[in-house]
PDB file of all heavy atoms in Angstrom:
ATOM      1  N   TYR A   1      84.939  90.646  92.663  1.00  0.00           N
ATOM      2  CA  TYR A   1      84.593  89.310  92.455  1.00  0.00           C
ATOM      3  C   TYR A   1      85.708  88.530  91.992  1.00  0.00           C
ATOM      4  O   TYR A   1      86.703  89.012  91.302  1.00  0.00           O
ATOM      5  CB  TYR A   1      83.495  89.349  91.336  1.00  0.00           C
ATOM      6  CG  TYR A   1      82.234  89.999  91.703  1.00  0.00           C
ATOM      7  CD1 TYR A   1      82.000  91.297  91.157  1.00  0.00           C
ATOM      8  CD2 TYR A   1      81.229  89.480  92.469  1.00  0.00           C
ATOM      9  CE1 TYR A   1      80.876  91.979  91.429  1.00  0.00           C
ATOM     10  CE2 TYR A   1      80.096  90.103  92.830  1.00  0.00           C
ATOM     11  CZ  TYR A   1      79.939  91.425  92.262  1.00  0.00           C
ATOM     12  OH  TYR A   1      78.733  92.090  92.656  1.00  0.00           O
ATOM     13  N   LEU A   2      85.788  87.201  92.069  1.00  0.00           N
ATOM     14  CA  LEU A   2      86.730  86.284  91.522  1.00  0.00           C
ATOM     15  C   LEU A   2      85.850  85.074  90.890  1.00  0.00           C
ATOM     16  O   LEU A   2      85.386  84.187  91.626  1.00  0.00           O
ATOM     17  CB  LEU A   2      87.645  85.812  92.669  1.00  0.00           C
ATOM     18  CG  LEU A   2      88.761  84.926  92.069  1.00  0.00           C
ATOM     19  CD1 LEU A   2      89.749  85.631  91.399  1.00  0.00           C
ATOM     20  CD2 LEU A   2      89.494  84.183  93.261  1.00  0.00           C
ATOM     21  N   GLN A   3      85.824  85.138  89.627  1.00  0.00           N
ATOM     22  CA  GLN A   3      85.154  84.100  88.904  1.00  0.00           C
ATOM     23  C   GLN A   3      86.235  82.959  88.623  1.00  0.00           C
ATOM     24  O   GLN A   3      87.279  83.307  88.022  1.00  0.00           O
ATOM     25  CB  GLN A   3      84.662  84.641  87.592  1.00  0.00           C
ATOM     26  CG  GLN A   3      84.000  83.546  86.650  1.00  0.00           C
ATOM     27  CD  GLN A   3      82.792  83.023  87.296  1.00  0.00           C
ATOM     28  OE1 GLN A   3      81.949  83.776  87.701  1.00  0.00           O
ATOM     29  NE2 GLN A   3      82.597  81.733  87.275  1.00  0.00           N
ATOM     30  N   MET A   4      85.899  81.785  89.190  1.00  0.00           N
ATOM     31  CA  MET A   4      86.894  80.704  89.103  1.00  0.00           C
ATOM     32  C   MET A   4      86.252  79.517  88.145  1.00  0.00           C
ATOM     33  O   MET A   4      85.158  79.042  88.595  1.00  0.00           O
ATOM     34  CB  MET A   4      87.073  80.120  90.480  1.00  0.00           C
ATOM     35  CG  MET A   4      87.640  81.277  91.455  1.00  0.00           C
ATOM     36  SD  MET A   4      88.078  80.579  93.000  1.00  0.00           S
ATOM     37  CE  MET A   4      86.558  79.782  93.631  1.00  0.00           C
ATOM     38  N   ASN A   5      86.903  79.346  87.067  1.00  0.00           N
ATOM     39  CA  ASN A   5      86.472  78.254  86.167  1.00  0.00           C
ATOM     40  C   ASN A   5      87.460  77.166  86.039  1.00  0.00           C
ATOM     41  O   ASN A   5      88.622  77.397  86.585  1.00  0.00           O
ATOM     42  CB  ASN A   5      86.208  78.873  84.754  1.00  0.00           C
ATOM     43  CG  ASN A   5      85.220  80.031  84.736  1.00  0.00           C
ATOM     44  OD1 ASN A   5      84.198  79.891  85.477  1.00  0.00           O
ATOM     45  ND2 ASN A   5      85.428  80.963  83.828  1.00  0.00           N
ATOM     46  N   SER A   6      86.990  75.996  85.632  1.00  0.00           N
ATOM     47  CA  SER A   6      87.836  74.779  85.532  1.00  0.00           C
ATOM     48  C   SER A   6      88.678  74.552  86.709  1.00  0.00           C
ATOM     49  O   SER A   6      89.859  74.296  86.740  1.00  0.00           O
ATOM     50  CB  SER A   6      88.866  75.089  84.327  1.00  0.00           C
ATOM     51  OG  SER A   6      88.272  75.215  83.066  1.00  0.00           O
ATOM     52  N   LEU A   7      87.918  74.493  87.831  1.00  0.00           N
ATOM     53  CA  LEU A   7      88.553  74.253  89.084  1.00  0.00           C
ATOM     54  C   LEU A   7      89.201  72.893  89.231  1.00  0.00           C
ATOM     55  O   LEU A   7      88.881  71.901  88.641  1.00  0.00           O
ATOM     56  CB  LEU A   7      87.573  74.455  90.241  1.00  0.00           C
ATOM     57  CG  LEU A   7      87.142  75.879  90.529  1.00  0.00           C
ATOM     58  CD1 LEU A   7      85.825  76.003  91.249  1.00  0.00           C
ATOM     59  CD2 LEU A   7      88.155  76.666  91.296  1.00  0.00           C
ATOM     60  N   LYS A   8      90.341  72.948  90.022  1.00  0.00           N
ATOM     61  CA  LYS A   8      91.032  71.722  90.215  1.00  0.00           C
ATOM     62  C   LYS A   8      91.249  71.502  91.668  1.00  0.00           C
ATOM     63  O   LYS A   8      91.000  72.268  92.518  1.00  0.00           O
ATOM     64  CB  LYS A   8      92.622  71.979  89.683  1.00  0.00           C
ATOM     65  CG  LYS A   8      92.647  72.352  88.187  1.00  0.00           C
ATOM     66  CD  LYS A   8      94.067  72.539  87.854  1.00  0.00           C
ATOM     67  CE  LYS A   8      94.209  73.027  86.275  1.00  0.00           C
ATOM     68  NZ  LYS A   8      95.523  73.347  85.965  1.00  0.00           N
ATOM     69  N   PRO A   9      91.395  70.182  92.129  1.00  0.00           N
ATOM     70  CA  PRO A   9      91.541  69.920  93.370  1.00  0.00           C
ATOM     71  C   PRO A   9      92.581  70.620  94.254  1.00  0.00           C
ATOM     72  O   PRO A   9      92.408  71.058  95.401  1.00  0.00           O
ATOM     73  CB  PRO A   9      91.846  68.396  93.400  1.00  0.00           C
ATOM     74  CG  PRO A   9      91.343  67.947  92.206  1.00  0.00           C
ATOM     75  CD  PRO A   9      91.516  69.025  91.243  1.00  0.00           C
ATOM     76  N   GLU A  10      93.611  71.038  93.503  1.00  0.00           N
ATOM     77  CA  GLU A  10      94.611  71.818  94.110  1.00  0.00           C
ATOM     78  C   GLU A  10      94.292  73.288  94.354  1.00  0.00           C
ATOM     79  O   GLU A  10      94.997  74.117  95.007  1.00  0.00           O
ATOM     80  CB  GLU A  10      95.922  71.878  93.320  1.00  0.00           C
ATOM     81  CG  GLU A  10      95.745  72.212  91.808  1.00  0.00           C
ATOM     82  CD  GLU A  10      95.699  71.011  91.030  1.00  0.00           C
ATOM     83  OE1 GLU A  10      94.881  70.005  91.341  1.00  0.00           O
ATOM     84  OE2 GLU A  10      96.345  70.939  89.888  1.00  0.00           O
ATOM     85  N   ASP A  11      92.975  73.830  93.859  1.00  0.00           N
ATOM     86  CA  ASP A  11      92.477  75.000  94.097  1.00  0.00           C
ATOM     87  C   ASP A  11      91.792  75.080  95.579  1.00  0.00           C
ATOM     88  O   ASP A  11      91.437  76.125  95.986  1.00  0.00           O
ATOM     89  CB  ASP A  11      91.505  75.441  93.149  1.00  0.00           C
ATOM     90  CG  ASP A  11      92.156  75.687  91.845  1.00  0.00           C
ATOM     91  OD1 ASP A  11      93.245  76.291  91.711  1.00  0.00           O
ATOM     92  OD2 ASP A  11      91.523  75.336  90.671  1.00  0.00           O
ATOM     93  N   THR A  12      91.663  73.982  96.173  1.00  0.00           N
ATOM     94  CA  THR A  12      90.991  73.758  97.396  1.00  0.00           C
ATOM     95  C   THR A  12      91.850  74.682  98.520  1.00  0.00           C
ATOM     96  O   THR A  12      93.043  74.515  98.749  1.00  0.00           O
ATOM     97  CB  THR A  12      90.994  72.421  98.013  1.00  0.00           C
ATOM     98  OG1 THR A  12      90.092  71.628  97.138  1.00  0.00           O
ATOM     99  CG2 THR A  12      90.443  72.393  99.413  1.00  0.00           C
ATOM    100  N   ALA A  13      91.124  75.618  99.155  1.00  0.00           N
ATOM    101  CA  ALA A  13      91.747  76.517 100.093  1.00  0.00           C
ATOM    102  C   ALA A  13      90.753  77.418 100.705  1.00  0.00           C
ATOM    103  O   ALA A  13      89.614  77.490 100.231  1.00  0.00           O
ATOM    104  CB  ALA A  13      92.893  77.308  99.418  1.00  0.00           C
ATOM    105  N   VAL A  14      91.088  78.090 101.742  1.00  0.00           N
ATOM    106  CA  VAL A  14      90.401  79.225 102.171  1.00  0.00           C
ATOM    107  C   VAL A  14      90.784  80.432 101.501  1.00  0.00           C
ATOM    108  O   VAL A  14      92.135  80.787 101.348  1.00  0.00           O
ATOM    109  CB  VAL A  14      90.641  79.502 103.653  1.00  0.00           C
ATOM    110  CG1 VAL A  14      89.877  80.735 104.121  1.00  0.00           C
ATOM    111  CG2 VAL A  14      90.126  78.357 104.485  1.00  0.00           C
ATOM    112  N   TYR A  15      90.000  81.170 100.823  1.00  0.00           N
ATOM    113  CA  TYR A  15      90.189  82.389  99.968  1.00  0.00           C
ATOM    114  C   TYR A  15      90.001  83.639 100.805  1.00  0.00           C
ATOM    115  O   TYR A  15      88.982  83.775 101.263  1.00  0.00           O
ATOM    116  CB  TYR A  15      89.402  82.357  98.672  1.00  0.00           C
ATOM    117  CG  TYR A  15      89.986  81.273  97.671  1.00  0.00           C
ATOM    118  CD1 TYR A  15      89.763  79.800  97.930  1.00  0.00           C
ATOM    119  CD2 TYR A  15      90.641  81.715  96.503  1.00  0.00           C
ATOM    120  CE1 TYR A  15      90.251  79.009  97.002  1.00  0.00           C
ATOM    121  CE2 TYR A  15      91.080  80.837  95.497  1.00  0.00           C
ATOM    122  CZ  TYR A  15      90.915  79.504  95.843  1.00  0.00           C
ATOM    123  OH  TYR A  15      91.365  78.563  95.009  1.00  0.00           O
ATOM    124  N   TYR A  16      90.897  84.438 100.805  1.00  0.00           N
ATOM    125  CA  TYR A  16      90.880  85.710 101.464  1.00  0.00           C
ATOM    126  C   TYR A  16      90.968  86.837 100.582  1.00  0.00           C
ATOM    127  O   TYR A  16      91.744  86.927  99.635  1.00  0.00           O
ATOM    128  CB  TYR A  16      92.136  85.785 102.516  1.00  0.00           C
ATOM    129  CG  TYR A  16      92.098  84.826 103.477  1.00  0.00           C
ATOM    130  CD1 TYR A  16      92.777  83.617 103.271  1.00  0.00           C
ATOM    131  CD2 TYR A  16      91.443  84.846 104.816  1.00  0.00           C
ATOM    132  CE1 TYR A  16      92.914  82.612 104.324  1.00  0.00           C
ATOM    133  CE2 TYR A  16      91.489  83.998 105.683  1.00  0.00           C
ATOM    134  CZ  TYR A  16      92.144  82.815 105.500  1.00  0.00           C
ATOM    135  OH  TYR A  16      92.308  81.877 106.455  1.00  0.00           O
ATOM    136  N   CYS A  17      89.989  87.801 100.812  1.00  0.00           N
ATOM    137  CA  CYS A  17      90.068  89.172 100.071  1.00  0.00           C
ATOM    138  C   CYS A  17      90.875  90.183 100.889  1.00  0.00           C
ATOM    139  O   CYS A  17      90.878  90.141 102.135  1.00  0.00           O
ATOM    140  CB  CYS A  17      88.671  89.580  99.903  1.00  0.00           C
ATOM    141  SG  CYS A  17      88.426  91.245  99.189  1.00  0.00           S
ATOM    142  N   VAL A  18      91.625  91.100 100.233  1.00  0.00           N
ATOM    143  CA  VAL A  18      92.376  92.078 100.784  1.00  0.00           C
ATOM    144  C   VAL A  18      92.245  93.342 100.021  1.00  0.00           C
ATOM    145  O   VAL A  18      92.275  93.345  98.851  1.00  0.00           O
ATOM    146  CB  VAL A  18      93.925  91.665 100.794  1.00  0.00           C
ATOM    147  CG1 VAL A  18      94.521  91.436  99.436  1.00  0.00           C
ATOM    148  CG2 VAL A  18      94.687  92.589 101.726  1.00  0.00           C
ATOM    149  N   ALA A  19      92.317  94.420 100.878  1.00  0.00           N
ATOM    150  CA  ALA A  19      92.246  95.738 100.318  1.00  0.00           C
ATOM    151  C   ALA A  19      93.632  96.292 100.569  1.00  0.00           C
ATOM    152  O   ALA A  19      93.975  96.358 101.800  1.00  0.00           O
ATOM    153  CB  ALA A  19      91.204  96.625 100.959  1.00  0.00           C
ATOM    154  N   ASP A  20      94.251  97.003  99.542  1.00  0.00           N
ATOM    155  CA  ASP A  20      95.543  97.451  99.695  1.00  0.00           C
ATOM    156  C   ASP A  20      95.708  98.909  99.275  1.00  0.00           C
ATOM    157  O   ASP A  20      95.613  99.143  98.028  1.00  0.00           O
ATOM    158  CB  ASP A  20      96.539  96.563  98.857  1.00  0.00           C
ATOM    159  CG  ASP A  20      97.903  97.053  98.841  1.00  0.00           C
ATOM    160  OD1 ASP A  20      98.352  97.835  99.714  1.00  0.00           O
ATOM    161  OD2 ASP A  20      98.711  96.737  97.924  1.00  0.00           O
ATOM    162  N   PRO A  21      96.044  99.777 100.198  1.00  0.00           N
ATOM    163  CA  PRO A  21      96.208 101.198  99.786  1.00  0.00           C
ATOM    164  C   PRO A  21      97.534 101.626  99.245  1.00  0.00           C
ATOM    165  O   PRO A  21      97.840 102.656  98.800  1.00  0.00           O
ATOM    166  CB  PRO A  21      95.810 101.977 101.078  1.00  0.00           C
ATOM    167  CG  PRO A  21      96.485 101.058 102.126  1.00  0.00           C
ATOM    168  CD  PRO A  21      96.159  99.538 101.654  1.00  0.00           C
ATOM    169  N   THR A  22      98.570 100.592  99.242  1.00  0.00           N
ATOM    170  CA  THR A  22      99.918 100.700  98.893  1.00  0.00           C
ATOM    171  C   THR A  22     100.302 100.540  97.565  1.00  0.00           C
ATOM    172  O   THR A  22     101.446 100.842  97.083  1.00  0.00           O
ATOM    173  CB  THR A  22     100.859 100.044  99.917  1.00  0.00           C
ATOM    174  OG1 THR A  22     100.684  98.652  99.617  1.00  0.00           O
ATOM    175  CG2 THR A  22     100.453 100.238 101.383  1.00  0.00           C
ATOM    176  N   GLY A  23      99.472  99.730  96.807  1.00  0.00           N
ATOM    177  CA  GLY A  23      99.726  99.397  95.404  1.00  0.00           C
ATOM    178  C   GLY A  23     100.492  98.118  95.087  1.00  0.00           C
ATOM    179  O   GLY A  23     100.849  97.961  93.935  1.00  0.00           O
ATOM    180  N   ARG A  24     100.924  97.318  96.035  1.00  0.00           N
ATOM    181  CA  ARG A  24     101.592  96.063  95.842  1.00  0.00           C
ATOM    182  C   ARG A  24     100.927  94.927  95.226  1.00  0.00           C
ATOM    183  O   ARG A  24     101.597  94.173  94.534  1.00  0.00           O
ATOM    184  CB  ARG A  24     102.328  95.828  97.179  1.00  0.00           C
ATOM    185  CG  ARG A  24     103.308  96.760  97.744  1.00  0.00           C
ATOM    186  CD  ARG A  24     104.011  96.344  98.996  1.00  0.00           C
ATOM    187  NE  ARG A  24     104.556  95.039  98.953  1.00  0.00           N
ATOM    188  CZ  ARG A  24     105.765  94.666  98.571  1.00  0.00           C
ATOM    189  NH1 ARG A  24     106.615  95.585  98.131  1.00  0.00           N
ATOM    190  NH2 ARG A  24     106.241  93.410  98.619  1.00  0.00           N
ATOM    191  N   VAL A  25      99.654  94.841  95.578  1.00  0.00           N
ATOM    192  CA  VAL A  25      98.950  93.528  95.233  1.00  0.00           C
ATOM    193  C   VAL A  25      98.799  93.535  93.697  1.00  0.00           C
ATOM    194  O   VAL A  25      98.815  92.462  93.187  1.00  0.00           O
ATOM    195  CB  VAL A  25      97.624  93.465  95.865  1.00  0.00           C
ATOM    196  CG1 VAL A  25      97.649  93.171  97.254  1.00  0.00           C
ATOM    197  CG2 VAL A  25      96.695  94.676  95.566  1.00  0.00           C
ATOM    198  N   VAL A  26      98.758  94.617  92.934  1.00  0.00           N
ATOM    199  CA  VAL A  26      98.523  94.640  91.487  1.00  0.00           C
ATOM    200  C   VAL A  26      99.850  94.178  90.857  1.00  0.00           C
ATOM    201  O   VAL A  26      99.790  93.879  89.660  1.00  0.00           O
ATOM    202  CB  VAL A  26      98.062  95.939  90.910  1.00  0.00           C
ATOM    203  CG1 VAL A  26      96.689  96.363  91.461  1.00  0.00           C
ATOM    204  CG2 VAL A  26      99.076  96.996  91.274  1.00  0.00           C
ATOM    205  N   ALA A  27     100.911  94.126  91.593  1.00  0.00           N
ATOM    206  CA  ALA A  27     102.251  93.706  91.058  1.00  0.00           C
ATOM    207  C   ALA A  27     102.336  92.157  91.522  1.00  0.00           C
ATOM    208  O   ALA A  27     103.339  91.551  91.117  1.00  0.00           O
ATOM    209  CB  ALA A  27     103.307  94.499  91.496  1.00  0.00           C
ATOM    210  N   GLY A  28     101.449  91.581  92.193  1.00  0.00           N
ATOM    211  CA  GLY A  28     101.539  90.299  92.550  1.00  0.00           C
ATOM    212  C   GLY A  28     102.159  89.943  93.768  1.00  0.00           C
ATOM    213  O   GLY A  28     102.461  88.860  94.269  1.00  0.00           O
ATOM    214  N   PHE A  29     102.241  90.965  94.728  1.00  0.00           N
ATOM    215  CA  PHE A  29     102.832  90.994  95.914  1.00  0.00           C
ATOM    216  C   PHE A  29     101.923  91.152  97.122  1.00  0.00           C
ATOM    217  O   PHE A  29     100.927  91.834  96.861  1.00  0.00           O
ATOM    218  CB  PHE A  29     104.017  91.957  95.988  1.00  0.00           C
ATOM    219  CG  PHE A  29     105.086  91.834  95.089  1.00  0.00           C
ATOM    220  CD1 PHE A  29     105.238  92.660  93.963  1.00  0.00           C
ATOM    221  CD2 PHE A  29     106.081  90.703  95.227  1.00  0.00           C
ATOM    222  CE1 PHE A  29     106.261  92.507  93.023  1.00  0.00           C
ATOM    223  CE2 PHE A  29     107.129  90.563  94.402  1.00  0.00           C
ATOM    224  CZ  PHE A  29     107.204  91.451  93.253  1.00  0.00           C
ATOM    225  N   GLU A  30     102.290  90.567  98.268  1.00  0.00           N
ATOM    226  CA  GLU A  30     101.407  90.875  99.454  1.00  0.00           C
ATOM    227  C   GLU A  30     101.462  92.302  99.772  1.00  0.00           C
ATOM    228  O   GLU A  30     102.539  92.951  99.595  1.00  0.00           O
ATOM    229  CB  GLU A  30     101.843  89.880 100.552  1.00  0.00           C
ATOM    230  CG  GLU A  30     101.006  89.875 101.739  1.00  0.00           C
ATOM    231  CD  GLU A  30     101.328  88.882 102.668  1.00  0.00           C
ATOM    232  OE1 GLU A  30     102.128  87.879 102.301  1.00  0.00           O
ATOM    233  OE2 GLU A  30     101.005  88.907 103.905  1.00  0.00           O
ATOM    234  N   PRO A  31     100.399  92.831 100.272  1.00  0.00           N
ATOM    235  CA  PRO A  31     100.293  94.311 100.785  1.00  0.00           C
ATOM    236  C   PRO A  31     101.408  94.508 101.668  1.00  0.00           C
ATOM    237  O   PRO A  31     101.918  93.534 102.508  1.00  0.00           O
ATOM    238  CB  PRO A  31      98.969  94.382 101.328  1.00  0.00           C
ATOM    239  CG  PRO A  31      98.158  93.421 100.616  1.00  0.00           C
ATOM    240  CD  PRO A  31      98.968  92.216 100.554  1.00  0.00           C
ATOM    241  N   THR A  32     101.912  95.691 101.772  1.00  0.00           N
ATOM    242  CA  THR A  32     102.900  96.207 102.807  1.00  0.00           C
ATOM    243  C   THR A  32     102.356  95.737 104.212  1.00  0.00           C
ATOM    244  O   THR A  32     101.234  96.008 104.439  1.00  0.00           O
ATOM    245  CB  THR A  32     103.000  97.675 102.755  1.00  0.00           C
ATOM    246  OG1 THR A  32     103.599  98.077 101.410  1.00  0.00           O
ATOM    247  CG2 THR A  32     104.117  98.067 103.881  1.00  0.00           C
ATOM    248  N   ARG A  33     103.245  95.092 104.933  1.00  0.00           N
ATOM    249  CA  ARG A  33     102.864  94.535 106.185  1.00  0.00           C
ATOM    250  C   ARG A  33     102.187  95.540 107.118  1.00  0.00           C
ATOM    251  O   ARG A  33     102.686  96.737 107.355  1.00  0.00           O
ATOM    252  CB  ARG A  33     104.050  94.048 106.997  1.00  0.00           C
ATOM    253  CG  ARG A  33     103.802  93.147 108.154  1.00  0.00           C
ATOM    254  CD  ARG A  33     105.047  92.545 108.610  1.00  0.00           C
ATOM    255  NE  ARG A  33     104.757  91.630 109.770  1.00  0.00           N
ATOM    256  CZ  ARG A  33     104.779  91.957 111.073  1.00  0.00           C
ATOM    257  NH1 ARG A  33     105.095  93.287 111.344  1.00  0.00           N
ATOM    258  NH2 ARG A  33     104.452  91.148 111.897  1.00  0.00           N
ATOM    259  N   GLY A  34     101.045  95.205 107.587  1.00  0.00           N
ATOM    260  CA  GLY A  34     100.360  96.125 108.448  1.00  0.00           C
ATOM    261  C   GLY A  34      99.298  97.107 107.765  1.00  0.00           C
ATOM    262  O   GLY A  34      98.544  97.842 108.392  1.00  0.00           O
ATOM    263  N   MET A  35      99.513  97.162 106.532  1.00  0.00           N
ATOM    264  CA  MET A  35      98.693  98.192 105.643  1.00  0.00           C
ATOM    265  C   MET A  35      97.483  97.728 105.038  1.00  0.00           C
ATOM    266  O   MET A  35      96.589  98.418 104.688  1.00  0.00           O
ATOM    267  CB  MET A  35      99.633  98.876 104.562  1.00  0.00           C
ATOM    268  CG  MET A  35     100.765  99.595 105.262  1.00  0.00           C
ATOM    269  SD  MET A  35     100.223 101.033 106.277  1.00  0.00           S
ATOM    270  CE  MET A  35      99.419 102.001 105.098  1.00  0.00           C
ATOM    271  N   GLY A  36      97.399  96.349 104.750  1.00  0.00           N
ATOM    272  CA  GLY A  36      96.234  95.762 104.137  1.00  0.00           C
ATOM    273  C   GLY A  36      95.136  95.484 105.087  1.00  0.00           C
ATOM    274  O   GLY A  36      95.399  95.236 106.321  1.00  0.00           O
ATOM    275  N   SER A  37      93.957  95.511 104.592  1.00  0.00           N
ATOM    276  CA  SER A  37      92.763  94.902 105.230  1.00  0.00           C
ATOM    277  C   SER A  37      92.283  93.659 104.787  1.00  0.00           C
ATOM    278  O   SER A  37      91.998  93.562 103.576  1.00  0.00           O
ATOM    279  CB  SER A  37      91.704  95.992 105.323  1.00  0.00           C
ATOM    280  OG  SER A  37      92.086  97.292 105.710  1.00  0.00           O
ATOM    281  N   TRP A  38      92.188  92.692 105.644  1.00  0.00           N
ATOM    282  CA  TRP A  38      91.932  91.308 105.258  1.00  0.00           C
ATOM    283  C   TRP A  38      90.475  90.902 105.678  1.00  0.00           C
ATOM    284  O   TRP A  38      90.135  91.281 106.843  1.00  0.00           O
ATOM    285  CB  TRP A  38      92.993  90.335 105.752  1.00  0.00           C
ATOM    286  CG  TRP A  38      94.234  90.571 105.255  1.00  0.00           C
ATOM    287  CD1 TRP A  38      95.187  91.462 105.778  1.00  0.00           C
ATOM    288  CD2 TRP A  38      94.967  89.869 104.243  1.00  0.00           C
ATOM    289  NE1 TRP A  38      96.499  91.408 105.057  1.00  0.00           N
ATOM    290  CE2 TRP A  38      96.220  90.375 104.107  1.00  0.00           C
ATOM    291  CE3 TRP A  38      94.516  88.796 103.395  1.00  0.00           C
ATOM    292  CZ2 TRP A  38      97.139  89.861 103.120  1.00  0.00           C
ATOM    293  CZ3 TRP A  38      95.472  88.358 102.454  1.00  0.00           C
ATOM    294  CH2 TRP A  38      96.742  88.925 102.271  1.00  0.00           C
TER     295      TRP A  38
END
């Protein structure tokens, strides 16, 4: 889940969920190319 509070106009976007078996997303990085499921 992603609970979003105090939303701002700049939050407007398409939001994508990703599953990452490589461990990169928890460090704030995009999953290793080709390894994530979107």
